[in-house]
Amino acid sequence: MARLPGPTSRHWSCVTALLLVRHATTASTGKRLGGWTSAPLDEAGRAQAEAAAQRLAEVPLAAVYASPLPRTRETAEILAAWHRLAVRDCHGMIEVDYGRWTDRPLGQVARTKKWSVIQNRPSRVTFPDGEAIRTAQARAVDALEGLVASHTRDTIVVVSHADIIKLAVAHFIGQPLDLFQRLEVTPTSVTWLQLDRDGAPALLRLGDDGPLARERFRPPSPSRSTSRQRKPNG
């Protein structure tokens, strides 16, 4: 697995590295439409979170944020413990509110007429007594932009949910909302977004499960930065 590339030195003075981590598995992952439930991590999920924490152990984190649901908080607490950081809630990155569909078996909802619309035209979808997918995307983007404003030049972790991470990424890379399901993030994978204070984005990794090198998250020293600059002709 290739190592993650480093941020460009030209923008480092105002850049924030956002490491978006999907929560580890619960007993319902892949079986039920989770939503706002209190399901804790299962045994496999706790092992996944510990493995993810080891991958991130050498990355100099300034903060760890999480959706306030138990599965994201528990994942984040395992990650944060390696850095002796407290987990901060990020309500804007909470899972989509699926309303009456919350915790329903995926096989059951997949047989409904609405499921095809969810998969192919999500921009038109509002869940029964729940949230519009477009609204979920907007508040996730607002939340991340707020974190960038508070963490200039920092590397931070945000533990969230598959759909929320994919919706945010789709926005920042200019992908239409209706195509966000083409993105894939697996449990405890890392999606690396680099944003500057003006919101200019770069997606450096999507759903990455390889090693994370500490030096990739450090600003280049002036001597190293200067040595890379091309000398003027003549």
C-alpha atoms as a PDB file:
ATOM      1  CA  MET A   1       0.000   0.000   0.000  1.00  0.00           C
ATOM      2  CA  ALA A   2       1.419   3.360  -1.035  1.00  0.00           C
ATOM      3  CA  ARG A   3       2.009   5.997   1.625  1.00  0.00           C
ATOM      4  CA  LEU A   4      -0.146   9.059   1.697  1.00  0.00           C
ATOM      5  CA  PRO A   5       1.253  12.039  -0.208  1.00  0.00           C
ATOM      6  CA  GLY A   6       2.055  15.183   1.709  1.00  0.00           C
ATOM      7  CA  PRO A   7       0.288  18.537   1.431  1.00  0.00           C
ATOM      8  CA  THR A   8       1.770  21.023  -0.990  1.00  0.00           C
ATOM      9  CA  SER A   9       4.139  23.502   0.642  1.00  0.00           C
ATOM     10  CA  ARG A  10       2.680  26.393  -1.344  1.00  0.00           C
ATOM     11  CA  HIS A  11      -0.565  26.306   0.668  1.00  0.00           C
ATOM     12  CA  TRP A  12       0.650  24.841   3.943  1.00  0.00           C
ATOM     13  CA  SER A  13       0.570  28.128   5.857  1.00  0.00           C
ATOM     14  CA  CYS A  14      -3.244  28.154   5.821  1.00  0.00           C
ATOM     15  CA  VAL A  15      -4.202  24.520   5.241  1.00  0.00           C
ATOM     16  CA  THR A  16      -6.120  22.121   7.482  1.00  0.00           C
ATOM     17  CA  ALA A  17      -5.788  18.361   7.100  1.00  0.00           C
ATOM     18  CA  LEU A  18      -9.152  16.737   7.808  1.00  0.00           C
ATOM     19  CA  LEU A  19      -8.950  13.000   8.436  1.00  0.00           C
ATOM     20  CA  LEU A  20     -12.522  11.736   8.138  1.00  0.00           C
ATOM     21  CA  VAL A  21     -12.796   8.314   9.747  1.00  0.00           C
ATOM     22  CA  ARG A  22     -15.847   6.106   9.392  1.00  0.00           C
ATOM     23  CA  HIS A  23     -16.832   4.464  12.685  1.00  0.00           C
ATOM     24  CA  ALA A  24     -16.025   0.800  13.352  1.00  0.00           C
ATOM     25  CA  THR A  25     -18.662  -1.904  12.988  1.00  0.00           C
ATOM     26  CA  THR A  26     -21.637  -2.690  15.201  1.00  0.00           C
ATOM     27  CA  ALA A  27     -23.813  -5.794  15.167  1.00  0.00           C
ATOM     28  CA  SER A  28     -26.094  -3.948  12.727  1.00  0.00           C
ATOM     29  CA  THR A  29     -23.505  -2.734  10.204  1.00  0.00           C
ATOM     30  CA  GLY A  30     -24.418  -3.956   6.726  1.00  0.00           C
ATOM     31  CA  LYS A  31     -27.672  -5.455   7.999  1.00  0.00           C
ATOM     32  CA  ARG A  32     -29.825  -2.536   9.106  1.00  0.00           C
ATOM     33  CA  LEU A  33     -30.205   1.121   8.154  1.00  0.00           C
ATOM     34  CA  GLY A  34     -28.563   2.539  11.254  1.00  0.00           C
ATOM     35  CA  GLY A  35     -29.428   6.191  11.634  1.00  0.00           C
ATOM     36  CA  TRP A  36     -29.739   7.744  15.074  1.00  0.00           C
ATOM     37  CA  THR A  37     -29.446   4.550  17.122  1.00  0.00           C
ATOM     38  CA  SER A  38     -27.558   3.710  20.301  1.00  0.00           C
ATOM     39  CA  ALA A  39     -25.867   0.576  18.939  1.00  0.00           C
ATOM     40  CA  PRO A  40     -22.367   0.149  20.440  1.00  0.00           C
ATOM     41  CA  LEU A  41     -19.357  -1.305  18.661  1.00  0.00           C
ATOM     42  CA  ASP A  42     -19.246  -5.087  18.501  1.00  0.00           C
ATOM     43  CA  GLU A  43     -16.124  -7.109  19.302  1.00  0.00           C
ATOM     44  CA  ALA A  44     -14.884  -6.900  15.716  1.00  0.00           C
ATOM     45  CA  GLY A  45     -15.552  -3.165  15.719  1.00  0.00           C
ATOM     46  CA  ARG A  46     -13.487  -2.581  18.840  1.00  0.00           C
ATOM     47  CA  ALA A  47     -10.607  -4.479  17.251  1.00  0.00           C
ATOM     48  CA  GLN A  48     -10.983  -2.360  14.095  1.00  0.00           C
ATOM     49  CA  ALA A  49     -10.883   0.831  16.145  1.00  0.00           C
ATOM     50  CA  GLU A  50      -7.738  -0.298  17.978  1.00  0.00           C
ATOM     51  CA  ALA A  51      -6.061  -1.090  14.654  1.00  0.00           C
ATOM     52  CA  ALA A  52      -7.061   2.318  13.292  1.00  0.00           C
ATOM     53  CA  ALA A  53      -5.669   3.976  16.422  1.00  0.00           C
ATOM     54  CA  GLN A  54      -2.323   2.299  15.839  1.00  0.00           C
ATOM     55  CA  ARG A  55      -2.294   3.520  12.233  1.00  0.00           C
ATOM     56  CA  LEU A  56      -2.862   7.074  13.451  1.00  0.00           C
ATOM     57  CA  ALA A  57      -0.562   6.845  16.466  1.00  0.00           C
ATOM     58  CA  GLU A  58       2.335   8.702  14.823  1.00  0.00           C
ATOM     59  CA  VAL A  59       0.209  11.377  13.157  1.00  0.00           C
ATOM     60  CA  PRO A  60       0.445  14.667  15.116  1.00  0.00           C
ATOM     61  CA  LEU A  61      -3.231  15.314  15.813  1.00  0.00           C
ATOM     62  CA  ALA A  62      -4.456  18.610  17.210  1.00  0.00           C
ATOM     63  CA  ALA A  63      -7.984  17.402  17.974  1.00  0.00           C
ATOM     64  CA  VAL A  64     -10.408  14.502  17.628  1.00  0.00           C
ATOM     65  CA  TYR A  65     -14.062  15.209  16.871  1.00  0.00           C
ATOM     66  CA  ALA A  66     -16.964  12.790  16.547  1.00  0.00           C
ATOM     67  CA  SER A  67     -20.612  12.525  15.723  1.00  0.00           C
ATOM     68  CA  PRO A  68     -22.332  12.234  19.125  1.00  0.00           C
ATOM     69  CA  LEU A  69     -23.788   8.757  18.477  1.00  0.00           C
ATOM     70  CA  PRO A  70     -22.358   5.891  20.571  1.00  0.00           C
ATOM     71  CA  ARG A  71     -20.657   4.040  17.705  1.00  0.00           C
ATOM     72  CA  THR A  72     -18.772   7.136  16.570  1.00  0.00           C
ATOM     73  CA  ARG A  73     -17.947   8.320  20.087  1.00  0.00           C
ATOM     74  CA  GLU A  74     -16.578   4.907  21.041  1.00  0.00           C
ATOM     75  CA  THR A  75     -14.437   4.733  17.904  1.00  0.00           C
ATOM     76  CA  ALA A  76     -13.169   8.267  18.501  1.00  0.00           C
ATOM     77  CA  GLU A  77     -12.344   7.623  22.157  1.00  0.00           C
ATOM     78  CA  ILE A  78     -10.143   4.671  21.185  1.00  0.00           C
ATOM     79  CA  LEU A  79      -8.347   6.834  18.604  1.00  0.00           C
ATOM     80  CA  ALA A  80      -8.009   9.823  20.930  1.00  0.00           C
ATOM     81  CA  ALA A  81      -6.607   7.796  23.823  1.00  0.00           C
ATOM     82  CA  TRP A  82      -3.386   7.218  21.887  1.00  0.00           C
ATOM     83  CA  HIS A  83      -2.903  10.990  21.706  1.00  0.00           C
ATOM     84  CA  ARG A  84      -4.198  11.818  25.202  1.00  0.00           C
ATOM     85  CA  LEU A  85      -6.885  13.979  23.655  1.00  0.00           C
ATOM     86  CA  ALA A  86     -10.492  14.452  24.724  1.00  0.00           C
ATOM     87  CA  VAL A  87     -13.142  13.737  22.105  1.00  0.00           C
ATOM     88  CA  ARG A  88     -15.205  16.761  21.113  1.00  0.00           C
ATOM     89  CA  ASP A  89     -18.744  16.422  19.762  1.00  0.00           C
ATOM     90  CA  CYS A  90     -19.433  17.557  16.212  1.00  0.00           C
ATOM     91  CA  HIS A  91     -23.206  17.514  15.834  1.00  0.00           C
ATOM     92  CA  GLY A  92     -23.051  18.580  12.202  1.00  0.00           C
ATOM     93  CA  MET A  93     -21.379  15.266  11.332  1.00  0.00           C
ATOM     94  CA  ILE A  94     -24.081  13.078  12.882  1.00  0.00           C
ATOM     95  CA  GLU A  95     -25.651  10.368  10.718  1.00  0.00           C
ATOM     96  CA  VAL A  96     -28.525  11.169   8.371  1.00  0.00           C
ATOM     97  CA  ASP A  97     -31.821  11.156  10.281  1.00  0.00           C
ATOM     98  CA  TYR A  98     -33.683   8.315   8.586  1.00  0.00           C
ATOM     99  CA  GLY A  99     -36.880   9.028  10.508  1.00  0.00           C
ATOM    100  CA  ARG A 100     -39.285   6.059  10.441  1.00  0.00           C
ATOM    101  CA  TRP A 101     -36.691   4.077   8.501  1.00  0.00           C
ATOM    102  CA  THR A 102     -34.205   4.161  11.380  1.00  0.00           C
ATOM    103  CA  ASP A 103     -32.874   0.690  12.261  1.00  0.00           C
ATOM    104  CA  ARG A 104     -35.012  -1.067   9.650  1.00  0.00           C
ATOM    105  CA  PRO A 105     -33.507  -4.156   7.949  1.00  0.00           C
ATOM    106  CA  LEU A 106     -31.745  -3.203   4.717  1.00  0.00           C
ATOM    107  CA  GLY A 107     -33.413  -6.075   2.884  1.00  0.00           C
ATOM    108  CA  GLN A 108     -36.797  -4.636   3.825  1.00  0.00           C
ATOM    109  CA  VAL A 109     -36.133  -1.058   2.740  1.00  0.00           C
ATOM    110  CA  ALA A 110     -34.412  -2.240  -0.453  1.00  0.00           C
ATOM    111  CA  ARG A 111     -37.747  -3.653  -1.621  1.00  0.00           C
ATOM    112  CA  THR A 112     -39.515  -0.300  -1.419  1.00  0.00           C
ATOM    113  CA  LYS A 113     -40.067   1.982  -4.407  1.00  0.00           C
ATOM    114  CA  LYS A 114     -38.256   4.778  -2.596  1.00  0.00           C
ATOM    115  CA  TRP A 115     -35.018   2.779  -2.423  1.00  0.00           C
ATOM    116  CA  SER A 116     -34.328   3.166  -6.134  1.00  0.00           C
ATOM    117  CA  VAL A 117     -34.756   6.929  -5.793  1.00  0.00           C
ATOM    118  CA  ILE A 118     -32.407   6.958  -2.792  1.00  0.00           C
ATOM    119  CA  GLN A 119     -29.731   5.192  -4.813  1.00  0.00           C
ATOM    120  CA  ASN A 120     -30.148   7.106  -8.067  1.00  0.00           C
ATOM    121  CA  ARG A 121     -31.727  10.490  -7.250  1.00  0.00           C
ATOM    122  CA  PRO A 122     -30.840  11.152  -3.603  1.00  0.00           C
ATOM    123  CA  SER A 123     -31.128  14.910  -4.117  1.00  0.00           C
ATOM    124  CA  ARG A 124     -34.907  14.384  -4.217  1.00  0.00           C
ATOM    125  CA  VAL A 125     -35.154  12.283  -1.061  1.00  0.00           C
ATOM    126  CA  THR A 126     -36.521  13.200   2.341  1.00  0.00           C
ATOM    127  CA  PHE A 127     -36.888  10.257   4.711  1.00  0.00           C
ATOM    128  CA  PRO A 128     -40.347   9.753   6.279  1.00  0.00           C
ATOM    129  CA  ASP A 129     -40.433  11.909   9.430  1.00  0.00           C
ATOM    130  CA  GLY A 130     -36.691  12.344   8.924  1.00  0.00           C
ATOM    131  CA  GLU A 131     -34.146  14.432   7.091  1.00  0.00           C
ATOM    132  CA  ALA A 132     -33.595  15.385   3.465  1.00  0.00           C
ATOM    133  CA  ILE A 133     -30.305  14.052   2.119  1.00  0.00           C
ATOM    134  CA  ARG A 134     -29.578  17.505   0.705  1.00  0.00           C
ATOM    135  CA  THR A 135     -30.029  18.996   4.191  1.00  0.00           C
ATOM    136  CA  ALA A 136     -27.675  16.416   5.700  1.00  0.00           C
ATOM    137  CA  GLN A 137     -25.024  17.319   3.147  1.00  0.00           C
ATOM    138  CA  ALA A 138     -25.360  21.042   3.826  1.00  0.00           C
ATOM    139  CA  ARG A 139     -24.960  20.755   7.600  1.00  0.00           C
ATOM    140  CA  ALA A 140     -21.987  18.368   7.233  1.00  0.00           C
ATOM    141  CA  VAL A 141     -20.235  20.835   4.926  1.00  0.00           C
ATOM    142  CA  ASP A 142     -20.989  23.705   7.318  1.00  0.00           C
ATOM    143  CA  ALA A 143     -19.559  21.691  10.206  1.00  0.00           C
ATOM    144  CA  LEU A 144     -16.310  20.896   8.399  1.00  0.00           C
ATOM    145  CA  GLU A 145     -15.855  24.468   7.223  1.00  0.00           C
ATOM    146  CA  GLY A 146     -16.299  25.584  10.827  1.00  0.00           C
ATOM    147  CA  LEU A 147     -13.604  23.166  11.970  1.00  0.00           C
ATOM    148  CA  VAL A 148     -11.249  24.439   9.279  1.00  0.00           C
ATOM    149  CA  ALA A 149     -11.778  27.999  10.522  1.00  0.00           C
ATOM    150  CA  SER A 150     -10.862  26.868  14.053  1.00  0.00           C
ATOM    151  CA  HIS A 151      -7.905  24.668  13.100  1.00  0.00           C
ATOM    152  CA  THR A 152      -5.774  26.501  10.568  1.00  0.00           C
ATOM    153  CA  ARG A 153      -2.574  24.555   9.920  1.00  0.00           C
ATOM    154  CA  ASP A 154      -3.733  21.620  12.089  1.00  0.00           C
ATOM    155  CA  THR A 155      -4.365  17.955  11.424  1.00  0.00           C
ATOM    156  CA  ILE A 156      -7.630  16.800  12.982  1.00  0.00           C
ATOM    157  CA  VAL A 157      -9.700  13.620  13.000  1.00  0.00           C
ATOM    158  CA  VAL A 158     -13.475  13.639  12.561  1.00  0.00           C
ATOM    159  CA  VAL A 159     -15.187  10.292  13.199  1.00  0.00           C
ATOM    160  CA  SER A 160     -18.472  10.103  11.336  1.00  0.00           C
ATOM    161  CA  HIS A 161     -20.663   7.884   9.159  1.00  0.00           C
ATOM    162  CA  ALA A 162     -20.392   6.510   5.636  1.00  0.00           C
ATOM    163  CA  ASP A 163     -23.138   8.580   4.011  1.00  0.00           C
ATOM    164  CA  ILE A 164     -22.114  11.783   5.781  1.00  0.00           C
ATOM    165  CA  ILE A 165     -18.465  11.391   4.788  1.00  0.00           C
ATOM    166  CA  LYS A 166     -19.427  10.640   1.183  1.00  0.00           C
ATOM    167  CA  LEU A 167     -21.840  13.573   1.050  1.00  0.00           C
ATOM    168  CA  ALA A 168     -19.173  15.966   2.335  1.00  0.00           C
ATOM    169  CA  VAL A 169     -16.553  14.650  -0.075  1.00  0.00           C
ATOM    170  CA  ALA A 170     -18.958  14.916  -3.008  1.00  0.00           C
ATOM    171  CA  HIS A 171     -19.498  18.589  -2.207  1.00  0.00           C
ATOM    172  CA  PHE A 172     -15.823  19.461  -1.866  1.00  0.00           C
ATOM    173  CA  ILE A 173     -14.739  17.715  -5.069  1.00  0.00           C
ATOM    174  CA  GLY A 174     -17.642  19.134  -7.075  1.00  0.00           C
ATOM    175  CA  GLN A 175     -19.401  15.807  -7.598  1.00  0.00           C
ATOM    176  CA  PRO A 176     -23.175  16.049  -8.071  1.00  0.00           C
ATOM    177  CA  LEU A 177     -25.173  14.952  -5.050  1.00  0.00           C
ATOM    178  CA  ASP A 178     -26.959  12.336  -7.147  1.00  0.00           C
ATOM    179  CA  LEU A 179     -23.619  10.557  -7.677  1.00  0.00           C
ATOM    180  CA  PHE A 180     -22.428  10.464  -4.069  1.00  0.00           C
ATOM    181  CA  GLN A 181     -23.270   6.767  -3.711  1.00  0.00           C
ATOM    182  CA  ARG A 182     -20.488   5.984  -6.197  1.00  0.00           C
ATOM    183  CA  LEU A 183     -17.997   6.789  -3.443  1.00  0.00           C
ATOM    184  CA  GLU A 184     -17.018   4.074  -0.969  1.00  0.00           C
ATOM    185  CA  VAL A 185     -15.728   4.318   2.599  1.00  0.00           C
ATOM    186  CA  THR A 186     -15.325   1.178   4.697  1.00  0.00           C
ATOM    187  CA  PRO A 187     -15.366   0.979   8.514  1.00  0.00           C
ATOM    188  CA  THR A 188     -12.410   2.818  10.122  1.00  0.00           C
ATOM    189  CA  SER A 189     -11.030   3.872   6.732  1.00  0.00           C
ATOM    190  CA  VAL A 190      -9.457   7.329   6.489  1.00  0.00           C
ATOM    191  CA  THR A 191     -10.566   9.923   3.971  1.00  0.00           C
ATOM    192  CA  TRP A 192      -8.063  12.781   3.787  1.00  0.00           C
ATOM    193  CA  LEU A 193      -9.404  16.174   2.748  1.00  0.00           C
ATOM    194  CA  GLN A 194      -7.080  19.145   2.653  1.00  0.00           C
ATOM    195  CA  LEU A 195      -8.832  22.512   2.916  1.00  0.00           C
ATOM    196  CA  ASP A 196      -7.491  26.028   3.169  1.00  0.00           C
ATOM    197  CA  ARG A 197      -9.241  28.872   4.936  1.00  0.00           C
ATOM    198  CA  ASP A 198     -10.882  29.948   1.667  1.00  0.00           C
ATOM    199  CA  GLY A 199     -12.392  26.480   1.259  1.00  0.00           C
ATOM    200  CA  ALA A 200     -10.186  25.364  -1.642  1.00  0.00           C
ATOM    201  CA  PRO A 201     -10.252  21.542  -1.416  1.00  0.00           C
ATOM    202  CA  ALA A 202      -7.961  18.684  -2.300  1.00  0.00           C
ATOM    203  CA  LEU A 203      -8.980  15.058  -1.827  1.00  0.00           C
ATOM    204  CA  LEU A 204      -5.762  13.163  -1.123  1.00  0.00           C
ATOM    205  CA  ARG A 205      -7.215   9.823  -0.052  1.00  0.00           C
ATOM    206  CA  LEU A 206     -10.690   8.252  -0.094  1.00  0.00           C
ATOM    207  CA  GLY A 207     -11.431   5.307   2.178  1.00  0.00           C
ATOM    208  CA  ASP A 208      -7.726   4.603   2.767  1.00  0.00           C
ATOM    209  CA  ASP A 209      -6.733   1.703   5.002  1.00  0.00           C
ATOM    210  CA  GLY A 210      -2.958   1.797   4.508  1.00  0.00           C
ATOM    211  CA  PRO A 211      -0.158   3.172   6.695  1.00  0.00           C
ATOM    212  CA  LEU A 212      -0.139   6.838   7.653  1.00  0.00           C
ATOM    213  CA  ALA A 213       3.301   8.442   7.766  1.00  0.00           C
ATOM    214  CA  ARG A 214       3.914  11.076  10.452  1.00  0.00           C
ATOM    215  CA  GLU A 215       6.082  13.247   8.232  1.00  0.00           C
ATOM    216  CA  ARG A 216       3.287  13.662   5.695  1.00  0.00           C
ATOM    217  CA  PHE A 217       1.351  15.821   8.135  1.00  0.00           C
ATOM    218  CA  ARG A 218       4.165  18.218   9.025  1.00  0.00           C
ATOM    219  CA  PRO A 219       4.754  21.538   7.255  1.00  0.00           C
ATOM    220  CA  PRO A 220       7.968  21.507   5.231  1.00  0.00           C
ATOM    221  CA  SER A 221      10.888  23.403   6.751  1.00  0.00           C
ATOM    222  CA  PRO A 222      11.877  26.652   4.984  1.00  0.00           C
ATOM    223  CA  SER A 223      15.089  25.082   3.690  1.00  0.00           C
ATOM    224  CA  ARG A 224      13.268  22.086   2.234  1.00  0.00           C
ATOM    225  CA  SER A 225      10.567  24.272   0.732  1.00  0.00           C
ATOM    226  CA  THR A 226      13.127  26.595  -0.850  1.00  0.00           C
ATOM    227  CA  SER A 227      15.166  23.736  -2.248  1.00  0.00           C
ATOM    228  CA  ARG A 228      12.164  22.551  -4.230  1.00  0.00           C
ATOM    229  CA  GLN A 229      11.584  25.882  -5.938  1.00  0.00           C
ATOM    230  CA  ARG A 230      12.690  26.108  -9.538  1.00  0.00           C
ATOM    231  CA  LYS A 231      15.552  28.523 -10.176  1.00  0.00           C
ATOM    232  CA  PRO A 232      14.783  31.394 -12.568  1.00  0.00           C
ATOM    233  CA  ASN A 233      16.099  31.013 -16.097  1.00  0.00           C
ATOM    234  CA  GLY A 234      19.136  33.087 -17.133  1.00  0.00           C
END
